[in-house]
């Protein structure tokens, strides 16, 4: 049975997606990336097949070697070892997605409320034991998602320690926080920038592969027409692959990682605002409300929702 072209294209990229979703039962960050890549490949390959092209004509492993090998070599030359190592580590982050969700932000705000309440009742010095050994703290134990996040825990502990042991005013503390957050932002941006640079270079390396293919074609100029056609097709596939890898895969991966980093940076901004509000003398409930307002709408709990959560944790 021959499917109509429009129906055939629909089947080509819909069935793999449906199958993948059924296999996993959900579409998380990992599935979102896989589904996106399936759509790219299905639409490009499906459109080519429906236009009576032969998929095997696109199978040019030596072109892939030239393009990807040159891009990887340029990546190694352009970046220090720390960025190269962090880039490979970031693959796991892209597959797992952001660590933060509405639930984790509620835990974060609940933790800040409990810490501020204890400091208000017993004084800032009462937090010293909780800060020094958070894994043994009854307050931190109530919020396991936050306790497992090393960077967030370090940020909270460091600034609570400064508040407990120093006489820093809110302006000095805010300036110090801004410097640290800016450093964190620049450090986190190095990997997406490196991946974006590879994406920008891939079309150029595709042209390199195409030029080498034309060189091979010119060397065979006296051969059969079919052989010349195959060489020219291979050269054109080099350009095609360079552009496809850049805009269909590597570029979107860099954008995805940037979005994850921006999402995770919100946690630090939320902590900063809560700590400064508390240092300025606001009540714990008002201080965490300041932090709640900094969150993106899809992660921000409602006022009553957060209040009920906090009350449930303190009872």
Protein backbone atom coordinates (compact mmCIF):
# COMPACT_ATOMS: atom_id res chain seq x y z
CA UNK A 1 0.00 0.00 0.00
CA UNK A 2 1.35 3.43 -0.97
CA UNK A 3 0.62 6.26 1.45
CA UNK A 4 -0.18 9.76 0.18
CA UNK A 5 2.87 12.05 0.54
CA UNK A 6 1.37 14.21 3.32
CA UNK A 7 0.22 11.17 5.30
CA UNK A 8 3.52 9.40 4.72
CA UNK A 9 5.49 12.35 6.11
CA UNK A 10 3.20 12.50 9.13
CA UNK A 11 3.72 8.81 9.82
CA UNK A 12 7.49 9.11 9.35
CA UNK A 13 8.05 11.57 12.19
CA UNK A 14 5.00 10.83 14.37
CA UNK A 15 5.37 7.09 14.95
CA UNK A 16 8.90 7.25 16.43
CA UNK A 17 7.81 10.00 18.82
CA UNK A 18 4.69 8.14 19.95
CA UNK A 19 6.72 4.97 20.41
CA UNK A 20 9.36 6.79 22.47
CA UNK A 21 6.75 8.40 24.72
CA UNK A 22 4.98 5.07 25.24
CA UNK A 23 8.26 3.41 26.16
CA UNK A 24 9.12 5.98 28.83
CA UNK A 25 5.68 7.04 30.01
CA UNK A 26 6.72 10.69 30.19
CA UNK A 27 8.57 13.40 28.33
CA UNK A 28 11.33 14.74 30.56
CA UNK A 29 14.44 16.68 29.58
CA UNK A 30 16.01 13.53 28.12
CA UNK A 31 12.94 12.66 26.07
CA UNK A 32 12.48 16.27 24.98
CA UNK A 33 15.93 16.24 23.43
CA UNK A 34 15.43 12.83 21.83
CA UNK A 35 12.03 13.84 20.45
CA UNK A 36 13.52 17.05 19.05
CA UNK A 37 16.32 15.16 17.29
CA UNK A 38 13.79 12.62 15.93
CA UNK A 39 11.71 15.46 14.49
CA UNK A 40 14.77 17.03 12.85
CA UNK A 41 15.96 13.77 11.31
CA UNK A 42 12.48 12.60 10.34
CA UNK A 43 11.50 15.83 8.64
CA UNK A 44 14.80 16.27 6.80
CA UNK A 45 15.14 12.62 5.84
CA UNK A 46 11.41 12.17 5.23
CA UNK A 47 11.24 15.22 2.98
CA UNK A 48 14.24 13.96 1.02
CA UNK A 49 12.68 10.51 0.56
CA UNK A 50 9.29 11.93 -0.42
CA UNK A 51 11.08 14.00 -3.06
CA UNK A 52 12.31 10.65 -4.49
CA UNK A 53 15.79 10.94 -3.03
CA UNK A 54 17.78 7.91 -1.88
CA UNK A 55 18.84 7.99 1.76
CA UNK A 56 22.02 6.02 1.05
CA UNK A 57 23.24 8.93 -1.03
CA UNK A 58 23.51 10.88 2.25
CA UNK A 59 25.66 8.19 3.85
CA UNK A 60 29.14 9.71 3.52
CA UNK A 61 31.18 8.61 6.56
CA UNK A 62 34.41 10.25 5.34
CA UNK A 63 32.61 13.59 5.04
CA UNK A 64 31.41 13.15 8.64
CA UNK A 65 34.97 12.35 9.72
CA UNK A 66 36.31 15.51 8.08
CA UNK A 67 33.60 17.79 9.47
CA UNK A 68 33.29 16.41 13.00
CA UNK A 69 36.99 15.67 13.38
CA UNK A 70 38.02 19.17 12.33
CA UNK A 71 35.35 20.75 14.55
CA UNK A 72 36.48 18.72 17.55
CA UNK A 73 40.13 19.57 16.91
CA UNK A 74 39.29 23.28 16.73
CA UNK A 75 37.29 22.92 19.94
CA UNK A 76 40.29 21.36 21.72
CA UNK A 77 42.62 24.11 20.49
CA UNK A 78 40.27 26.95 21.41
CA UNK A 79 39.40 25.93 24.97
CA UNK A 80 41.36 25.22 28.17
CA UNK A 81 41.23 21.78 29.72
CA UNK A 82 38.74 22.86 32.39
CA UNK A 83 36.21 23.93 29.75
CA UNK A 84 36.73 20.75 27.70
CA UNK A 85 36.14 18.61 30.79
CA UNK A 86 33.13 20.69 31.82
CA UNK A 87 31.66 20.37 28.32
CA UNK A 88 31.63 16.57 28.49
CA UNK A 89 30.20 16.77 32.01
CA UNK A 90 27.47 19.10 30.72
CA UNK A 91 26.10 16.33 28.48
CA UNK A 92 24.58 14.75 31.57
CA UNK A 93 23.08 18.09 32.58
CA UNK A 94 21.46 18.49 29.15
CA UNK A 95 19.94 15.02 29.41
CA UNK A 96 18.70 15.42 32.98
CA UNK A 97 17.59 19.04 32.70
CA UNK A 98 17.49 21.61 35.48
CA UNK A 99 17.67 20.41 39.07
CA UNK A 100 15.07 22.96 40.10
CA UNK A 101 11.31 22.65 39.95
CA UNK A 102 8.37 24.15 41.78
CA UNK A 103 8.82 21.52 44.50
CA UNK A 104 12.51 22.30 45.05
CA UNK A 105 11.82 26.05 45.18
CA UNK A 106 9.16 25.44 47.81
CA UNK A 107 11.72 23.47 49.80
CA UNK A 108 14.24 26.28 49.36
CA UNK A 109 11.79 28.93 50.57
CA UNK A 110 10.71 26.67 53.42
CA UNK A 111 14.34 26.24 54.47
CA UNK A 112 14.93 29.98 54.43
CA UNK A 113 11.79 30.52 56.51
CA UNK A 114 12.91 28.00 59.14
CA UNK A 115 16.41 29.50 59.33
CA UNK A 116 15.09 33.04 59.65
CA UNK A 117 12.51 31.99 62.27
CA UNK A 118 15.19 30.35 64.40
CA UNK A 119 17.47 33.37 64.05
CA UNK A 120 14.62 35.70 65.01
CA UNK A 121 13.72 33.68 68.12
CA UNK A 122 17.18 32.63 69.32
CA UNK A 123 19.55 35.06 67.58
CA UNK A 124 21.86 34.62 64.60
CA UNK A 125 24.45 32.81 66.73
CA UNK A 126 21.97 29.96 67.16
CA UNK A 127 22.46 29.12 63.46
CA UNK A 128 26.17 28.43 63.86
CA UNK A 129 25.75 24.69 64.52
CA UNK A 130 23.34 24.34 61.58
CA UNK A 131 25.78 26.09 59.25
CA UNK A 132 28.86 24.15 60.35
CA UNK A 133 27.22 20.71 60.11
CA UNK A 134 24.15 21.00 57.88
CA UNK A 135 23.96 17.24 57.38
CA UNK A 136 23.29 16.91 61.13
CA UNK A 137 20.96 19.89 61.33
CA UNK A 138 17.29 19.16 62.03
CA UNK A 139 16.35 22.13 59.87
CA UNK A 140 18.33 21.09 56.81
CA UNK A 141 17.28 17.45 57.16
CA UNK A 142 13.68 18.48 56.48
CA UNK A 143 14.67 19.64 52.99
CA UNK A 144 16.64 16.78 51.34
CA UNK A 145 16.47 18.23 47.82
CA UNK A 146 18.32 21.35 48.99
CA UNK A 147 20.74 19.39 51.19
CA UNK A 148 21.83 17.36 48.14
CA UNK A 149 22.57 20.49 46.09
CA UNK A 150 26.20 21.24 46.95
CA UNK A 151 26.37 24.66 45.25
CA UNK A 152 23.18 25.97 46.84
CA UNK A 153 24.22 24.68 50.26
CA UNK A 154 27.62 26.33 49.95
CA UNK A 155 26.05 29.64 48.95
CA UNK A 156 23.60 29.61 51.86
CA UNK A 157 26.19 28.51 54.42
CA UNK A 158 28.84 31.02 53.34
CA UNK A 159 26.56 34.05 53.60
CA UNK A 160 24.84 32.94 56.78
CA UNK A 161 28.33 32.51 58.24
CA UNK A 162 29.17 36.09 57.24
CA UNK A 163 25.92 37.31 58.77
CA UNK A 164 26.62 35.41 62.00
CA UNK A 165 30.29 36.27 62.39
CA UNK A 166 30.61 39.69 60.76
CA UNK A 167 29.22 43.20 60.98
CA UNK A 168 28.52 43.58 57.28
CA UNK A 169 25.68 45.90 56.39
CA UNK A 170 23.17 44.90 53.68
CA UNK A 171 24.85 47.05 51.01
CA UNK A 172 28.25 45.43 51.52
CA UNK A 173 26.74 41.94 51.53
CA UNK A 174 24.69 42.65 48.40
CA UNK A 175 27.79 43.88 46.57
CA UNK A 176 29.71 40.74 47.54
CA UNK A 177 26.81 38.55 46.39
CA UNK A 178 26.62 40.37 43.06
CA UNK A 179 30.34 39.80 42.47
CA UNK A 180 30.04 36.08 43.25
CA UNK A 181 26.90 35.63 41.13
CA UNK A 182 28.51 37.44 38.21
CA UNK A 183 31.55 35.15 38.49
CA UNK A 184 29.24 32.13 38.65
CA UNK A 185 27.36 33.36 35.57
CA UNK A 186 30.52 33.86 33.51
CA UNK A 187 31.88 30.47 34.56
CA UNK A 188 28.63 28.72 33.67
CA UNK A 189 28.50 30.52 30.32
CA UNK A 190 31.89 29.21 29.17
CA UNK A 191 30.56 25.79 28.13
CA UNK A 192 27.55 27.03 26.11
CA UNK A 193 29.82 29.60 24.45
CA UNK A 194 32.31 26.88 23.51
CA UNK A 195 29.54 24.70 22.06
CA UNK A 196 28.10 27.69 20.18
CA UNK A 197 31.53 28.35 18.67
CA UNK A 198 31.60 24.74 17.40
CA UNK A 199 28.12 25.22 15.95
CA UNK A 200 29.24 28.38 14.15
CA UNK A 201 32.28 26.56 12.73
CA UNK A 202 30.46 23.46 11.44
CA UNK A 203 29.06 25.03 8.22
CA UNK A 204 32.58 26.20 7.38
CA UNK A 205 34.01 22.73 7.89
CA UNK A 206 31.14 21.44 5.73
CA UNK A 207 32.44 23.69 2.96
CA UNK A 208 35.95 22.32 3.57
CA UNK A 209 34.61 18.79 3.07
CA UNK A 210 32.77 19.93 -0.06
CA UNK A 211 35.91 21.51 -1.52
CA UNK A 212 37.88 18.34 -0.87
CA UNK A 213 35.11 16.43 -2.60
CA UNK A 214 35.39 18.70 -5.63
CA UNK A 215 39.15 18.13 -5.67
CA UNK A 216 38.48 14.38 -5.82
CA UNK A 217 35.92 14.98 -8.56
CA UNK A 218 38.38 17.00 -10.66
CA UNK A 219 40.93 14.20 -10.30
CA UNK A 220 38.37 11.83 -11.83
CA UNK A 221 37.25 14.17 -14.60
CA UNK A 222 38.02 11.62 -17.32
CA UNK A 223 35.98 8.84 -15.69
CA UNK A 224 32.39 7.73 -16.26
CA UNK A 225 29.58 10.19 -15.78
CA UNK A 226 28.09 8.07 -12.98
CA UNK A 227 31.36 8.22 -11.05
CA UNK A 228 31.59 11.99 -11.45
CA UNK A 229 27.99 12.36 -10.29
CA UNK A 230 28.70 10.29 -7.18
CA UNK A 231 31.74 12.45 -6.32
CA UNK A 232 29.80 15.69 -6.80
CA UNK A 233 26.94 14.34 -4.65
CA UNK A 234 29.39 13.40 -1.89
CA UNK A 235 30.86 16.90 -1.99
CA UNK A 236 27.42 18.51 -1.71
CA UNK A 237 26.52 16.21 1.18
CA UNK A 238 29.50 17.68 3.07
CA UNK A 239 27.95 21.14 2.93
CA UNK A 240 24.57 19.69 3.86
CA UNK A 241 25.92 17.81 6.88
CA UNK A 242 27.87 20.79 8.19
CA UNK A 243 24.73 22.96 8.15
CA UNK A 244 22.52 20.17 9.57
CA UNK A 245 24.90 19.41 12.45
CA UNK A 246 25.21 23.12 13.26
CA UNK A 247 21.57 24.20 13.25
CA UNK A 248 19.83 20.88 13.91
CA UNK A 249 21.95 19.49 16.74
CA UNK A 250 24.91 21.40 18.18
CA UNK A 251 23.36 24.89 18.20
CA UNK A 252 20.15 23.76 19.93
CA UNK A 253 22.22 21.84 22.51
CA UNK A 254 24.09 25.05 23.38
CA UNK A 255 20.80 26.94 23.68
CA UNK A 256 19.36 24.18 25.89
CA UNK A 257 22.35 24.33 28.21
CA UNK A 258 22.11 28.12 28.42
CA UNK A 259 18.44 27.85 29.41
CA UNK A 260 19.29 25.26 32.10
CA UNK A 261 22.04 27.49 33.52
CA UNK A 262 19.74 30.51 33.61
CA UNK A 263 17.06 28.45 35.33
CA UNK A 264 19.51 27.22 37.98
CA UNK A 265 20.86 30.73 38.57
CA UNK A 266 17.39 31.75 39.76
CA UNK A 267 17.92 29.73 42.93
CA UNK A 268 20.92 31.88 43.89
CA UNK A 269 19.02 35.07 43.12
CA UNK A 270 16.14 33.87 45.29
CA UNK A 271 18.51 33.10 48.19
CA UNK A 272 20.20 36.47 47.81
CA UNK A 273 16.93 38.40 48.00
CA UNK A 274 15.72 36.37 51.01
CA UNK A 275 18.96 36.90 52.95
CA UNK A 276 19.05 40.63 52.26
CA UNK A 277 15.41 41.03 53.27
CA UNK A 278 16.09 39.21 56.53
CA UNK A 279 19.22 41.28 57.16
CA UNK A 280 17.14 44.43 56.65
CA UNK A 281 14.88 43.33 59.51
CA UNK A 282 11.87 41.91 57.69
CA UNK A 283 9.90 39.10 59.31
CA UNK A 284 10.62 35.57 58.00
CA UNK A 285 7.30 35.33 56.13
CA UNK A 286 7.96 38.65 54.37
CA UNK A 287 11.59 37.76 53.61
CA UNK A 288 10.63 34.53 51.81
CA UNK A 289 7.88 36.42 49.99
CA UNK A 290 10.59 38.69 48.57
CA UNK A 291 12.39 35.57 47.34
CA UNK A 292 9.20 34.04 45.93
CA UNK A 293 8.69 37.09 43.74
CA UNK A 294 12.03 36.53 41.98
CA UNK A 295 11.01 33.12 40.58
CA UNK A 296 9.76 32.42 37.09
CA UNK A 297 5.98 32.05 36.89
CA UNK A 298 6.10 28.34 36.00
CA UNK A 299 8.14 27.61 39.15
CA UNK A 300 6.66 30.18 41.52
CA UNK A 301 4.33 28.75 44.19
CA UNK A 302 1.27 30.76 45.14
CA UNK A 303 1.28 32.82 48.33
CA UNK A 304 -1.23 30.58 50.10
CA UNK A 305 0.40 27.45 48.70
CA UNK A 306 3.77 28.44 50.15
CA UNK A 307 2.23 29.47 53.46
CA UNK A 308 0.48 26.10 53.80
CA UNK A 309 3.72 24.29 52.93
CA UNK A 310 5.71 26.26 55.51
CA UNK A 311 3.11 25.68 58.20
CA UNK A 312 3.07 21.97 57.42
CA UNK A 313 6.85 21.79 57.83
CA UNK A 314 6.92 23.73 61.09
CA UNK A 315 4.11 21.81 62.78
